[in-house]
PDB file of N, CA and C in Angstrom:
ATOM      1  N   UNK A   1     281.701-119.391 222.600  1.00  0.00           N
ATOM      2  CA  UNK A   1     282.204-119.337 223.962  1.00  0.00           C
ATOM      3  C   UNK A   1     283.629-119.601 224.001  1.00  0.00           C
ATOM      4  N   UNK A   2     284.415-118.637 224.495  1.00  0.00           N
ATOM      5  CA  UNK A   2     285.790-118.865 224.611  1.00  0.00           C
ATOM      6  C   UNK A   2     286.097-119.518 225.898  1.00  0.00           C
ATOM      7  N   UNK A   3     287.263-120.064 226.090  1.00  0.00           N
ATOM      8  CA  UNK A   3     287.701-120.643 227.344  1.00  0.00           C
ATOM      9  C   UNK A   3     289.002-120.027 227.811  1.00  0.00           C
ATOM     10  N   UNK A   4     289.079-118.694 227.757  1.00  0.00           N
ATOM     11  CA  UNK A   4     290.198-117.927 228.261  1.00  0.00           C
ATOM     12  C   UNK A   4     289.847-116.557 228.847  1.00  0.00           C
ATOM     13  N   UNK A   5     290.770-115.919 229.351  1.00  0.00           N
ATOM     14  CA  UNK A   5     290.445-114.672 229.962  1.00  0.00           C
ATOM     15  C   UNK A   5     291.051-113.458 229.140  1.00  0.00           C
ATOM     16  N   UNK A   6     291.016-113.598 227.893  1.00  0.00           N
ATOM     17  CA  UNK A   6     291.579-112.484 226.919  1.00  0.00           C
ATOM     18  C   UNK A   6     290.873-111.157 227.245  1.00  0.00           C
ATOM     19  N   UNK A   7     289.705-110.916 226.661  1.00  0.00           N
ATOM     20  CA  UNK A   7     288.981-109.735 226.857  1.00  0.00           C
ATOM     21  C   UNK A   7     287.618-110.118 227.534  1.00  0.00           C
ATOM     22  N   UNK A   8     287.579-109.917 228.794  1.00  0.00           N
ATOM     23  CA  UNK A   8     286.320-110.291 229.454  1.00  0.00           C
ATOM     24  C   UNK A   8     285.164-109.335 229.151  1.00  0.00           C
ATOM     25  N   UNK A   9     283.954-109.827 229.074  1.00  0.00           N
ATOM     26  CA  UNK A   9     282.786-109.049 228.842  1.00  0.00           C
ATOM     27  C   UNK A   9     282.429-108.142 229.975  1.00  0.00           C
ATOM     28  N   UNK A  10     281.733-107.040 229.624  1.00  0.00           N
ATOM     29  CA  UNK A  10     281.237-106.159 230.688  1.00  0.00           C
ATOM     30  C   UNK A  10     280.012-106.944 231.226  1.00  0.00           C
ATOM     31  N   UNK A  11     279.730-106.650 232.493  1.00  0.00           N
ATOM     32  CA  UNK A  11     278.554-107.336 233.277  1.00  0.00           C
ATOM     33  C   UNK A  11     277.736-106.452 234.008  1.00  0.00           C
ATOM     34  N   UNK A  12     276.570-106.811 234.308  1.00  0.00           N
ATOM     35  CA  UNK A  12     275.624-105.947 235.052  1.00  0.00           C
ATOM     36  C   UNK A  12     275.504-106.329 236.514  1.00  0.00           C
ATOM     37  N   UNK A  13     275.869-107.611 236.833  1.00  0.00           N
ATOM     38  CA  UNK A  13     275.922-108.024 238.260  1.00  0.00           C
ATOM     39  C   UNK A  13     276.918-109.098 238.468  1.00  0.00           C
ATOM     40  N   UNK A  14     277.312-109.232 239.729  1.00  0.00           N
ATOM     41  CA  UNK A  14     278.311-110.310 240.131  1.00  0.00           C
ATOM     42  C   UNK A  14     277.652-111.120 241.233  1.00  0.00           C
ATOM     43  N   UNK A  15     277.943-112.441 241.053  1.00  0.00           N
ATOM     44  CA  UNK A  15     277.509-113.444 242.040  1.00  0.00           C
ATOM     45  C   UNK A  15     278.794-114.096 242.524  1.00  0.00           C
ATOM     46  N   UNK A  16     279.218-114.000 243.737  1.00  0.00           N
ATOM     47  CA  UNK A  16     280.391-114.579 244.240  1.00  0.00           C
ATOM     48  C   UNK A  16     279.995-115.846 245.116  1.00  0.00           C
ATOM     49  N   UNK A  17     280.352-116.983 244.652  1.00  0.00           N
ATOM     50  CA  UNK A  17     279.945-118.208 245.304  1.00  0.00           C
ATOM     51  C   UNK A  17     281.188-118.923 245.830  1.00  0.00           C
ATOM     52  N   UNK A  18     282.285-118.151 245.948  1.00  0.00           N
ATOM     53  CA  UNK A  18     283.555-118.647 246.523  1.00  0.00           C
ATOM     54  C   UNK A  18     283.277-119.379 247.883  1.00  0.00           C
ATOM     55  N   UNK A  19     283.960-120.566 248.028  1.00  0.00           N
ATOM     56  CA  UNK A  19     283.793-121.270 249.320  1.00  0.00           C
ATOM     57  C   UNK A  19     282.531-122.173 249.399  1.00  0.00           C
ATOM     58  N   UNK A  20     281.702-122.032 248.349  1.00  0.00           N
ATOM     59  CA  UNK A  20     280.426-122.781 248.471  1.00  0.00           C
ATOM     60  C   UNK A  20     280.560-124.093 247.450  1.00  0.00           C
ATOM     61  N   UNK A  21     279.917-125.144 247.873  1.00  0.00           N
ATOM     62  CA  UNK A  21     280.004-126.312 246.947  1.00  0.00           C
ATOM     63  C   UNK A  21     278.666-126.797 246.540  1.00  0.00           C
ATOM     64  N   UNK A  22     278.602-127.533 245.520  1.00  0.00           N
ATOM     65  CA  UNK A  22     277.386-128.117 244.934  1.00  0.00           C
ATOM     66  C   UNK A  22     276.452-128.656 245.927  1.00  0.00           C
ATOM     67  N   UNK A  23     275.138-128.178 245.856  1.00  0.00           N
ATOM     68  CA  UNK A  23     274.416-127.484 244.817  1.00  0.00           C
ATOM     69  C   UNK A  23     274.376-125.972 245.092  1.00  0.00           C
ATOM     70  N   UNK A  24     275.031-125.409 246.117  1.00  0.00           N
ATOM     71  CA  UNK A  24     274.759-124.027 246.523  1.00  0.00           C
ATOM     72  C   UNK A  24     275.062-123.004 245.382  1.00  0.00           C
ATOM     73  N   UNK A  25     276.213-123.134 244.642  1.00  0.00           N
ATOM     74  CA  UNK A  25     276.434-122.177 243.634  1.00  0.00           C
ATOM     75  C   UNK A  25     275.227-122.102 242.635  1.00  0.00           C
ATOM     76  N   UNK A  26     274.697-123.172 242.144  1.00  0.00           N
ATOM     77  CA  UNK A  26     273.660-123.218 241.213  1.00  0.00           C
ATOM     78  C   UNK A  26     272.370-122.680 241.772  1.00  0.00           C
ATOM     79  N   UNK A  27     272.096-123.081 243.100  1.00  0.00           N
ATOM     80  CA  UNK A  27     270.864-122.519 243.787  1.00  0.00           C
ATOM     81  C   UNK A  27     270.944-120.936 243.830  1.00  0.00           C
ATOM     82  N   UNK A  28     272.118-120.403 244.143  1.00  0.00           N
ATOM     83  CA  UNK A  28     272.212-119.002 244.264  1.00  0.00           C
ATOM     84  C   UNK A  28     272.049-118.307 242.812  1.00  0.00           C
ATOM     85  N   UNK A  29     272.587-118.954 241.801  1.00  0.00           N
ATOM     86  CA  UNK A  29     272.405-118.529 240.401  1.00  0.00           C
ATOM     87  C   UNK A  29     271.014-118.409 240.146  1.00  0.00           C
ATOM     88  N   UNK A  30     270.233-119.455 240.383  1.00  0.00           N
ATOM     89  CA  UNK A  30     268.769-119.363 240.067  1.00  0.00           C
ATOM     90  C   UNK A  30     268.074-118.231 240.892  1.00  0.00           C
ATOM     91  N   UNK A  31     268.437-117.916 242.053  1.00  0.00           N
ATOM     92  CA  UNK A  31     267.877-116.816 242.803  1.00  0.00           C
ATOM     93  C   UNK A  31     268.396-115.447 242.099  1.00  0.00           C
ATOM     94  N   UNK A  32     269.598-115.393 241.779  1.00  0.00           N
ATOM     95  CA  UNK A  32     270.159-114.134 241.199  1.00  0.00           C
ATOM     96  C   UNK A  32     269.449-113.792 239.942  1.00  0.00           C
ATOM     97  N   UNK A  33     269.338-114.737 238.934  1.00  0.00           N
ATOM     98  CA  UNK A  33     268.898-114.421 237.622  1.00  0.00           C
ATOM     99  C   UNK A  33     267.323-114.056 237.790  1.00  0.00           C
ATOM    100  N   UNK A  34     266.622-114.460 238.832  1.00  0.00           N
ATOM    101  CA  UNK A  34     265.250-113.957 239.011  1.00  0.00           C
ATOM    102  C   UNK A  34     265.187-112.513 239.167  1.00  0.00           C
ATOM    103  N   UNK A  35     266.151-111.875 239.784  1.00  0.00           N
ATOM    104  CA  UNK A  35     266.266-110.384 240.092  1.00  0.00           C
ATOM    105  C   UNK A  35     266.836-109.619 238.901  1.00  0.00           C
ATOM    106  N   UNK A  36     267.050-110.335 237.716  1.00  0.00           N
ATOM    107  CA  UNK A  36     267.730-109.650 236.595  1.00  0.00           C
ATOM    108  C   UNK A  36     266.683-109.801 235.439  1.00  0.00           C
ATOM    109  N   UNK A  37     267.102-109.076 234.346  1.00  0.00           N
ATOM    110  CA  UNK A  37     266.208-109.004 233.251  1.00  0.00           C
ATOM    111  C   UNK A  37     266.971-109.632 232.001  1.00  0.00           C
ATOM    112  N   UNK A  38     266.187-109.978 231.048  1.00  0.00           N
ATOM    113  CA  UNK A  38     266.738-110.622 229.780  1.00  0.00           C
ATOM    114  C   UNK A  38     267.714-109.772 229.139  1.00  0.00           C
ATOM    115  N   UNK A  39     268.780-110.347 228.779  1.00  0.00           N
ATOM    116  CA  UNK A  39     269.857-109.595 228.104  1.00  0.00           C
ATOM    117  C   UNK A  39     270.920-109.151 228.971  1.00  0.00           C
ATOM    118  N   UNK A  40     270.773-109.149 230.218  1.00  0.00           N
ATOM    119  CA  UNK A  40     271.756-108.624 231.309  1.00  0.00           C
ATOM    120  C   UNK A  40     272.847-109.713 231.320  1.00  0.00           C
ATOM    121  N   UNK A  41     273.957-109.344 231.671  1.00  0.00           N
ATOM    122  CA  UNK A  41     275.097-110.249 231.832  1.00  0.00           C
ATOM    123  C   UNK A  41     275.467-110.377 233.363  1.00  0.00           C
ATOM    124  N   UNK A  42     275.520-111.691 233.754  1.00  0.00           N
ATOM    125  CA  UNK A  42     275.861-112.011 235.142  1.00  0.00           C
ATOM    126  C   UNK A  42     277.267-112.558 235.144  1.00  0.00           C
ATOM    127  N   UNK A  43     278.087-112.042 236.003  1.00  0.00           N
ATOM    128  CA  UNK A  43     279.376-112.650 236.211  1.00  0.00           C
ATOM    129  C   UNK A  43     279.345-113.457 237.490  1.00  0.00           C
ATOM    130  N   UNK A  44     279.811-114.787 237.425  1.00  0.00           N
ATOM    131  CA  UNK A  44     279.760-115.651 238.532  1.00  0.00           C
ATOM    132  C   UNK A  44     281.178-115.979 238.905  1.00  0.00           C
ATOM    133  N   UNK A  45     281.530-115.840 240.140  1.00  0.00           N
ATOM    134  CA  UNK A  45     282.872-116.375 240.531  1.00  0.00           C
ATOM    135  C   UNK A  45     282.610-117.540 241.506  1.00  0.00           C
ATOM    136  N   UNK A  46     283.450-118.618 241.215  1.00  0.00           N
ATOM    137  CA  UNK A  46     283.197-119.785 241.980  1.00  0.00           C
ATOM    138  C   UNK A  46     284.559-120.428 242.275  1.00  0.00           C
ATOM    139  N   UNK A  47     284.614-121.259 243.346  1.00  0.00           N
ATOM    140  CA  UNK A  47     285.736-122.023 243.710  1.00  0.00           C
ATOM    141  C   UNK A  47     285.531-123.606 243.646  1.00  0.00           C
ATOM    142  N   UNK A  48     284.300-124.007 243.488  1.00  0.00           N
ATOM    143  CA  UNK A  48     283.823-125.370 243.263  1.00  0.00           C
ATOM    144  C   UNK A  48     284.239-125.913 241.895  1.00  0.00           C
ATOM    145  N   UNK A  49     285.146-126.887 241.854  1.00  0.00           N
ATOM    146  CA  UNK A  49     285.376-127.458 240.500  1.00  0.00           C
ATOM    147  C   UNK A  49     284.209-128.065 239.720  1.00  0.00           C
ATOM    148  N   UNK A  50     283.170-128.420 240.545  1.00  0.00           N
ATOM    149  CA  UNK A  50     281.932-129.032 239.810  1.00  0.00           C
ATOM    150  C   UNK A  50     281.224-127.892 239.069  1.00  0.00           C
ATOM    151  N   UNK A  51     281.453-126.606 239.298  1.00  0.00           N
ATOM    152  CA  UNK A  51     280.825-125.545 238.577  1.00  0.00           C
ATOM    153  C   UNK A  51     281.305-125.635 237.034  1.00  0.00           C
ATOM    154  N   UNK A  52     282.463-126.185 236.700  1.00  0.00           N
ATOM    155  CA  UNK A  52     282.898-126.370 235.332  1.00  0.00           C
ATOM    156  C   UNK A  52     281.899-127.166 234.507  1.00  0.00           C
ATOM    157  N   UNK A  53     281.240-128.023 235.234  1.00  0.00           N
ATOM    158  CA  UNK A  53     280.197-128.895 234.631  1.00  0.00           C
ATOM    159  C   UNK A  53     278.875-128.288 234.710  1.00  0.00           C
ATOM    160  N   UNK A  54     278.499-127.888 235.974  1.00  0.00           N
ATOM    161  CA  UNK A  54     277.189-127.473 236.401  1.00  0.00           C
ATOM    162  C   UNK A  54     276.780-126.072 235.641  1.00  0.00           C
ATOM    163  N   UNK A  55     277.647-125.150 235.558  1.00  0.00           N
ATOM    164  CA  UNK A  55     277.352-123.795 234.973  1.00  0.00           C
ATOM    165  C   UNK A  55     276.948-123.958 233.593  1.00  0.00           C
ATOM    166  N   UNK A  56     277.714-124.615 232.700  1.00  0.00           N
ATOM    167  CA  UNK A  56     277.302-124.807 231.295  1.00  0.00           C
ATOM    168  C   UNK A  56     275.967-125.544 231.198  1.00  0.00           C
ATOM    169  N   UNK A  57     275.764-126.494 231.989  1.00  0.00           N
ATOM    170  CA  UNK A  57     274.445-127.238 231.985  1.00  0.00           C
ATOM    171  C   UNK A  57     273.327-126.382 232.501  1.00  0.00           C
ATOM    172  N   UNK A  58     273.563-125.543 233.443  1.00  0.00           N
ATOM    173  CA  UNK A  58     272.546-124.602 233.928  1.00  0.00           C
ATOM    174  C   UNK A  58     272.161-123.678 232.689  1.00  0.00           C
ATOM    175  N   UNK A  59     273.082-123.070 232.027  1.00  0.00           N
ATOM    176  CA  UNK A  59     272.741-122.258 230.843  1.00  0.00           C
ATOM    177  C   UNK A  59     272.165-122.982 229.756  1.00  0.00           C
ATOM    178  N   UNK A  60     272.565-124.184 229.384  1.00  0.00           N
ATOM    179  CA  UNK A  60     271.869-125.000 228.364  1.00  0.00           C
ATOM    180  C   UNK A  60     270.377-125.196 228.733  1.00  0.00           C
ATOM    181  N   UNK A  61     270.254-125.687 229.893  1.00  0.00           N
ATOM    182  CA  UNK A  61     268.783-126.092 230.377  1.00  0.00           C
ATOM    183  C   UNK A  61     267.884-124.914 230.438  1.00  0.00           C
ATOM    184  N   UNK A  62     268.401-123.689 230.820  1.00  0.00           N
ATOM    185  CA  UNK A  62     267.588-122.460 230.919  1.00  0.00           C
ATOM    186  C   UNK A  62     267.563-121.654 229.675  1.00  0.00           C
ATOM    187  N   UNK A  63     268.473-121.920 228.720  1.00  0.00           N
ATOM    188  CA  UNK A  63     268.462-121.056 227.583  1.00  0.00           C
ATOM    189  C   UNK A  63     269.262-119.824 227.673  1.00  0.00           C
ATOM    190  N   UNK A  64     270.200-119.737 228.696  1.00  0.00           N
ATOM    191  CA  UNK A  64     271.100-118.644 228.880  1.00  0.00           C
ATOM    192  C   UNK A  64     272.254-118.875 227.939  1.00  0.00           C
ATOM    193  N   UNK A  65     272.920-117.721 227.609  1.00  0.00           N
ATOM    194  CA  UNK A  65     274.188-117.919 226.777  1.00  0.00           C
ATOM    195  C   UNK A  65     275.351-117.710 227.718  1.00  0.00           C
ATOM    196  N   UNK A  66     276.241-118.766 227.614  1.00  0.00           N
ATOM    197  CA  UNK A  66     277.464-118.757 228.358  1.00  0.00           C
ATOM    198  C   UNK A  66     278.529-118.057 227.511  1.00  0.00           C
ATOM    199  N   UNK A  67     278.723-116.699 227.688  1.00  0.00           N
ATOM    200  CA  UNK A  67     279.572-115.901 226.958  1.00  0.00           C
ATOM    201  C   UNK A  67     281.064-116.273 227.028  1.00  0.00           C
ATOM    202  N   UNK A  68     281.457-116.594 228.224  1.00  0.00           N
ATOM    203  CA  UNK A  68     282.857-116.692 228.617  1.00  0.00           C
ATOM    204  C   UNK A  68     283.006-117.540 229.779  1.00  0.00           C
ATOM    205  N   UNK A  69     283.988-118.509 229.915  1.00  0.00           N
ATOM    206  CA  UNK A  69     284.360-119.162 231.079  1.00  0.00           C
ATOM    207  C   UNK A  69     285.844-119.126 231.202  1.00  0.00           C
ATOM    208  N   UNK A  70     286.248-118.807 232.346  1.00  0.00           N
ATOM    209  CA  UNK A  70     287.694-118.800 232.574  1.00  0.00           C
ATOM    210  C   UNK A  70     287.929-119.815 233.663  1.00  0.00           C
ATOM    211  N   UNK A  71     288.384-120.915 233.310  1.00  0.00           N
ATOM    212  CA  UNK A  71     288.754-122.052 234.196  1.00  0.00           C
ATOM    213  C   UNK A  71     290.198-122.294 234.263  1.00  0.00           C
ATOM    214  N   UNK A  72     291.009-121.449 233.745  1.00  0.00           N
ATOM    215  CA  UNK A  72     292.486-121.696 233.679  1.00  0.00           C
ATOM    216  C   UNK A  72     293.164-121.655 235.038  1.00  0.00           C
ATOM    217  N   UNK A  73     292.514-121.044 236.049  1.00  0.00           N
ATOM    218  CA  UNK A  73     293.082-121.090 237.441  1.00  0.00           C
ATOM    219  C   UNK A  73     292.504-122.460 238.041  1.00  0.00           C
ATOM    220  N   UNK A  74     293.390-122.892 238.949  1.00  0.00           N
ATOM    221  CA  UNK A  74     292.965-124.244 239.577  1.00  0.00           C
ATOM    222  C   UNK A  74     292.176-123.970 240.928  1.00  0.00           C
ATOM    223  N   UNK A  75     291.905-122.646 241.325  1.00  0.00           N
ATOM    224  CA  UNK A  75     291.157-122.502 242.407  1.00  0.00           C
ATOM    225  C   UNK A  75     290.042-121.468 242.406  1.00  0.00           C
ATOM    226  N   UNK A  76     290.034-120.648 241.270  1.00  0.00           N
ATOM    227  CA  UNK A  76     288.864-119.679 241.032  1.00  0.00           C
ATOM    228  C   UNK A  76     288.420-119.769 239.607  1.00  0.00           C
ATOM    229  N   UNK A  77     287.231-119.773 239.375  1.00  0.00           N
ATOM    230  CA  UNK A  77     286.591-119.925 238.114  1.00  0.00           C
ATOM    231  C   UNK A  77     285.604-118.699 237.909  1.00  0.00           C
ATOM    232  N   UNK A  78     285.627-118.222 236.662  1.00  0.00           N
ATOM    233  CA  UNK A  78     284.814-117.035 236.292  1.00  0.00           C
ATOM    234  C   UNK A  78     283.939-117.465 235.085  1.00  0.00           C
ATOM    235  N   UNK A  79     282.683-116.969 235.170  1.00  0.00           N
ATOM    236  CA  UNK A  79     281.657-117.339 234.210  1.00  0.00           C
ATOM    237  C   UNK A  79     280.912-116.022 233.835  1.00  0.00           C
ATOM    238  N   UNK A  80     280.708-115.770 232.556  1.00  0.00           N
ATOM    239  CA  UNK A  80     279.875-114.608 232.108  1.00  0.00           C
ATOM    240  C   UNK A  80     278.672-115.073 231.380  1.00  0.00           C
ATOM    241  N   UNK A  81     277.490-114.838 231.893  1.00  0.00           N
ATOM    242  CA  UNK A  81     276.301-115.410 231.298  1.00  0.00           C
ATOM    243  C   UNK A  81     275.378-114.326 230.955  1.00  0.00           C
ATOM    244  N   UNK A  82     274.907-114.326 229.682  1.00  0.00           N
ATOM    245  CA  UNK A  82     273.767-113.484 229.183  1.00  0.00           C
ATOM    246  C   UNK A  82     272.463-114.199 229.372  1.00  0.00           C
ATOM    247  N   UNK A  83     271.577-113.490 230.150  1.00  0.00           N
ATOM    248  CA  UNK A  83     270.326-114.041 230.521  1.00  0.00           C
ATOM    249  C   UNK A  83     269.343-114.097 229.193  1.00  0.00           C
ATOM    250  N   UNK A  84     268.697-115.198 229.145  1.00  0.00           N
ATOM    251  CA  UNK A  84     267.644-115.341 228.116  1.00  0.00           C
ATOM    252  C   UNK A  84     266.549-114.533 228.344  1.00  0.00           C
TER     253      UNK A  84
END
């Protein structure tokens, strides 16, 4: 997992959680991955700084692969997750 925005992965779906705070981004991620299939890539856009901790834990707990996370901006974070 890289921590930069060099070459971002292609993705199958986008979930924009901008303006939402914990626990809403993670709850919406749970709902979104139910609509997707194994191997697909979800791009998550967030503004809540807690997602820098919560998204990796979400992936670890559910067995998803966090391909990329771009947390270099102070107000918008991007995550690319391959579903298990």
